[in-house]
Amino acid sequence: MRDPSLMLIALSGIDPEGQVMVEVPLVQNNSPFAVMQVLAGRRVGYADRYGRGDGHEPIQHRAPFMRALDVLRRAGAQLIPVPAQRVDGTLTFNLHTHNEIDELVNEYRLDALVSDSQSAAFHGACWSGYPRFGETLEGGATLWFYGARWSKDSLAALVQGYRNACCVENA
């Protein structure tokens, strides 16, 4: 404990052994009042409509999911509305010709996609080997984060940023 104490004394600007002690005024820490931008520069896509042929069907999101999007936005993430694919009314996705997650990440230059467990968006496109993380939302739903096959580490960092932002907001 002696060495860290000496380092803190040295950093404080006070010389306790000198003939003249000069005190450096402390800088006020206003971090509780500063906006937390832990996800600044991150681009996160969310489904705002289902594509069906040439038409689109808008998606009505539930309140817990909308609050999660607000947390992401306040943490600095740029939210990008994207279309989710739906081949027919039975929620059957076309998985054999391409992967929806890769296509959307590339087309919109996204870091991740998000949806809630009560939505059909992107769940069927998360094949084996694709990273996904779930965070519990109120009401028993789950916020799912999806990434392209190569983005496991960066997706984990994005999810951790979301968790940190949630902790700051709940403090």
Protein backbone atom coordinates (compact mmCIF):
# COMPACT_ATOMS: atom_id res chain seq x y z
CA MET A 1 0.00 0.00 0.00
CA ARG A 2 2.96 2.34 0.49
CA ASP A 3 3.86 2.67 -3.22
CA PRO A 4 0.35 3.51 -4.47
CA SER A 5 0.03 6.07 -1.65
CA LEU A 6 3.27 7.75 -2.66
CA MET A 7 2.19 7.83 -6.30
CA LEU A 8 -1.13 9.46 -5.36
CA ILE A 9 0.69 12.07 -3.26
CA ALA A 10 3.01 12.79 -6.21
CA LEU A 11 0.06 13.13 -8.59
CA SER A 12 -1.81 15.43 -6.22
CA GLY A 13 0.82 18.14 -6.52
CA ILE A 14 1.41 18.36 -2.77
CA ASP A 15 4.98 18.04 -1.51
CA PRO A 16 4.63 17.23 2.21
CA GLU A 17 8.40 17.54 2.85
CA GLY A 18 9.06 20.79 1.01
CA GLN A 19 9.36 24.16 2.71
CA VAL A 20 6.45 25.57 0.75
CA MET A 21 3.47 23.38 0.06
CA VAL A 22 1.50 24.25 -3.04
CA GLU A 23 -1.85 22.68 -3.48
CA VAL A 24 -3.23 22.09 -6.95
CA PRO A 25 -7.00 22.58 -7.09
CA LEU A 26 -8.90 19.40 -7.76
CA VAL A 27 -10.75 18.96 -11.01
CA GLN A 28 -14.42 18.38 -10.41
CA ASN A 29 -15.57 14.97 -11.60
CA ASN A 30 -18.83 15.47 -13.43
CA SER A 31 -18.94 11.99 -14.98
CA PRO A 32 -22.35 11.14 -13.44
CA PHE A 33 -23.76 14.05 -15.44
CA ALA A 34 -21.92 13.32 -18.69
CA VAL A 35 -23.67 11.42 -21.46
CA MET A 36 -22.43 7.84 -21.62
CA GLN A 37 -21.37 7.11 -25.21
CA VAL A 38 -19.94 3.58 -24.79
CA LEU A 39 -21.31 2.51 -28.19
CA ALA A 40 -20.39 5.62 -30.17
CA GLY A 41 -19.78 4.80 -33.81
CA ARG A 42 -21.53 1.42 -33.68
CA ARG A 43 -24.21 0.74 -36.30
CA VAL A 44 -27.01 -1.54 -35.12
CA GLY A 45 -29.80 -2.71 -37.39
CA TYR A 46 -33.31 -3.58 -36.28
CA ALA A 47 -36.23 -4.87 -38.32
CA ASP A 48 -38.86 -2.24 -38.99
CA ARG A 49 -40.73 -4.21 -41.67
CA TYR A 50 -41.08 -7.70 -43.13
CA GLY A 51 -40.37 -8.00 -46.84
CA ARG A 52 -42.81 -10.10 -48.81
CA GLY A 53 -42.17 -10.09 -52.53
CA ASP A 54 -42.37 -6.45 -53.63
CA GLY A 55 -44.42 -5.38 -50.60
CA HIS A 56 -43.57 -4.71 -47.00
CA GLU A 57 -45.47 -5.31 -43.79
CA PRO A 58 -44.58 -2.90 -40.93
CA ILE A 59 -43.58 -4.37 -37.58
CA GLN A 60 -45.17 -3.10 -34.37
CA HIS A 61 -42.54 -3.54 -31.64
CA ARG A 62 -43.42 -4.03 -27.99
CA ALA A 63 -42.50 -1.48 -25.31
CA PRO A 64 -39.57 -3.46 -23.76
CA PHE A 65 -37.86 -3.72 -27.15
CA MET A 66 -38.38 -0.01 -27.83
CA ARG A 67 -36.82 0.80 -24.43
CA ALA A 68 -33.83 -1.39 -25.32
CA LEU A 69 -33.44 0.55 -28.58
CA ASP A 70 -33.50 3.78 -26.55
CA VAL A 71 -30.70 2.45 -24.32
CA LEU A 72 -28.63 1.65 -27.42
CA ARG A 73 -29.33 5.10 -28.90
CA ARG A 74 -28.41 6.95 -25.69
CA ALA A 75 -25.22 4.86 -25.46
CA GLY A 76 -24.19 6.28 -28.83
CA ALA A 77 -25.21 3.51 -31.24
CA GLN A 78 -26.66 4.56 -34.57
CA LEU A 79 -29.89 2.59 -35.12
CA ILE A 80 -30.58 1.58 -38.71
CA PRO A 81 -34.05 0.30 -39.72
CA VAL A 82 -33.74 -2.70 -42.05
CA PRO A 83 -36.21 -5.10 -43.67
CA ALA A 84 -36.49 -8.65 -42.34
CA GLN A 85 -37.26 -11.45 -44.76
CA ARG A 86 -40.42 -13.46 -44.58
CA VAL A 87 -41.09 -15.88 -47.40
CA ASP A 88 -44.66 -16.74 -46.46
CA GLY A 89 -47.21 -16.41 -43.67
CA THR A 90 -45.84 -19.42 -41.78
CA LEU A 91 -42.61 -17.56 -40.98
CA THR A 92 -40.62 -19.93 -43.18
CA PHE A 93 -37.35 -18.31 -44.18
CA ASN A 94 -35.33 -19.10 -47.30
CA LEU A 95 -32.12 -20.34 -45.68
CA HIS A 96 -30.52 -22.28 -48.49
CA THR A 97 -29.60 -19.61 -51.04
CA HIS A 98 -28.08 -16.93 -48.79
CA ASN A 99 -27.86 -15.73 -45.23
CA GLU A 100 -29.97 -12.73 -44.30
CA ILE A 101 -27.65 -11.64 -41.49
CA ASP A 102 -24.57 -11.50 -43.75
CA GLU A 103 -26.49 -9.66 -46.44
CA LEU A 104 -27.86 -6.99 -44.08
CA VAL A 105 -24.54 -6.52 -42.26
CA ASN A 106 -22.78 -5.98 -45.60
CA GLU A 107 -25.46 -3.89 -47.30
CA TYR A 108 -26.03 -1.49 -44.39
CA ARG A 109 -22.44 -1.66 -42.98
CA LEU A 110 -23.75 -2.87 -39.61
CA ASP A 111 -21.92 -4.02 -36.51
CA ALA A 112 -24.92 -6.08 -35.37
CA LEU A 113 -28.62 -6.76 -35.75
CA VAL A 114 -31.08 -6.84 -32.85
CA SER A 115 -34.56 -8.24 -32.37
CA ASP A 116 -36.64 -9.45 -29.49
CA SER A 117 -37.68 -13.02 -28.81
CA GLN A 118 -41.30 -12.18 -29.55
CA SER A 119 -40.46 -11.21 -33.14
CA ALA A 120 -39.62 -13.53 -36.01
CA ALA A 121 -36.90 -11.22 -37.34
CA PHE A 122 -33.46 -12.79 -37.93
CA HIS A 123 -33.98 -15.86 -35.69
CA GLY A 124 -34.13 -18.31 -38.58
CA ALA A 125 -31.06 -16.82 -40.26
CA CYS A 126 -28.78 -17.41 -37.28
CA TRP A 127 -27.17 -20.60 -38.52
CA SER A 128 -24.67 -22.69 -36.65
CA GLY A 129 -21.42 -20.78 -36.27
CA TYR A 130 -23.07 -17.36 -36.25
CA PRO A 131 -22.68 -15.44 -32.99
CA ARG A 132 -25.73 -14.39 -31.03
CA PHE A 133 -26.20 -13.15 -27.51
CA GLY A 134 -29.39 -12.72 -25.50
CA GLU A 135 -30.17 -10.14 -22.84
CA THR A 136 -33.28 -10.43 -20.69
CA LEU A 137 -35.91 -7.75 -21.13
CA GLU A 138 -38.83 -7.04 -18.85
CA GLY A 139 -41.98 -9.04 -19.49
CA GLY A 140 -40.09 -12.27 -20.13
CA ALA A 141 -38.77 -11.29 -23.57
CA THR A 142 -35.14 -11.50 -24.70
CA LEU A 143 -33.19 -8.92 -26.68
CA TRP A 144 -31.16 -10.87 -29.26
CA PHE A 145 -27.95 -9.52 -30.76
CA TYR A 146 -26.87 -11.15 -34.04
CA GLY A 147 -23.63 -10.75 -35.93
CA ALA A 148 -22.00 -11.98 -39.10
CA ARG A 149 -19.98 -15.19 -38.83
CA TRP A 150 -16.68 -13.30 -38.43
CA SER A 151 -17.89 -10.87 -35.74
CA LYS A 152 -18.02 -12.89 -32.51
CA ASP A 153 -15.52 -10.76 -30.57
CA SER A 154 -16.88 -7.41 -31.74
CA LEU A 155 -20.45 -8.56 -31.08
CA ALA A 156 -19.51 -9.59 -27.53
CA ALA A 157 -17.99 -6.12 -26.97
CA LEU A 158 -21.15 -4.46 -28.28
CA VAL A 159 -23.32 -6.54 -25.92
CA GLN A 160 -21.03 -5.62 -23.02
CA GLY A 161 -21.44 -1.95 -23.97
CA TYR A 162 -25.23 -2.41 -23.88
CA ARG A 163 -24.98 -4.04 -20.43
CA ASN A 164 -22.81 -1.18 -19.16
CA ALA A 165 -25.27 1.38 -20.51
CA CYS A 166 -28.13 -0.44 -18.79
CA CYS A 167 -26.21 -0.42 -15.49
CA VAL A 168 -25.55 3.32 -15.75
CA GLU A 169 -29.21 4.03 -16.48
CA ASN A 170 -30.42 1.84 -13.62
CA ALA A 171 -27.98 3.39 -11.11
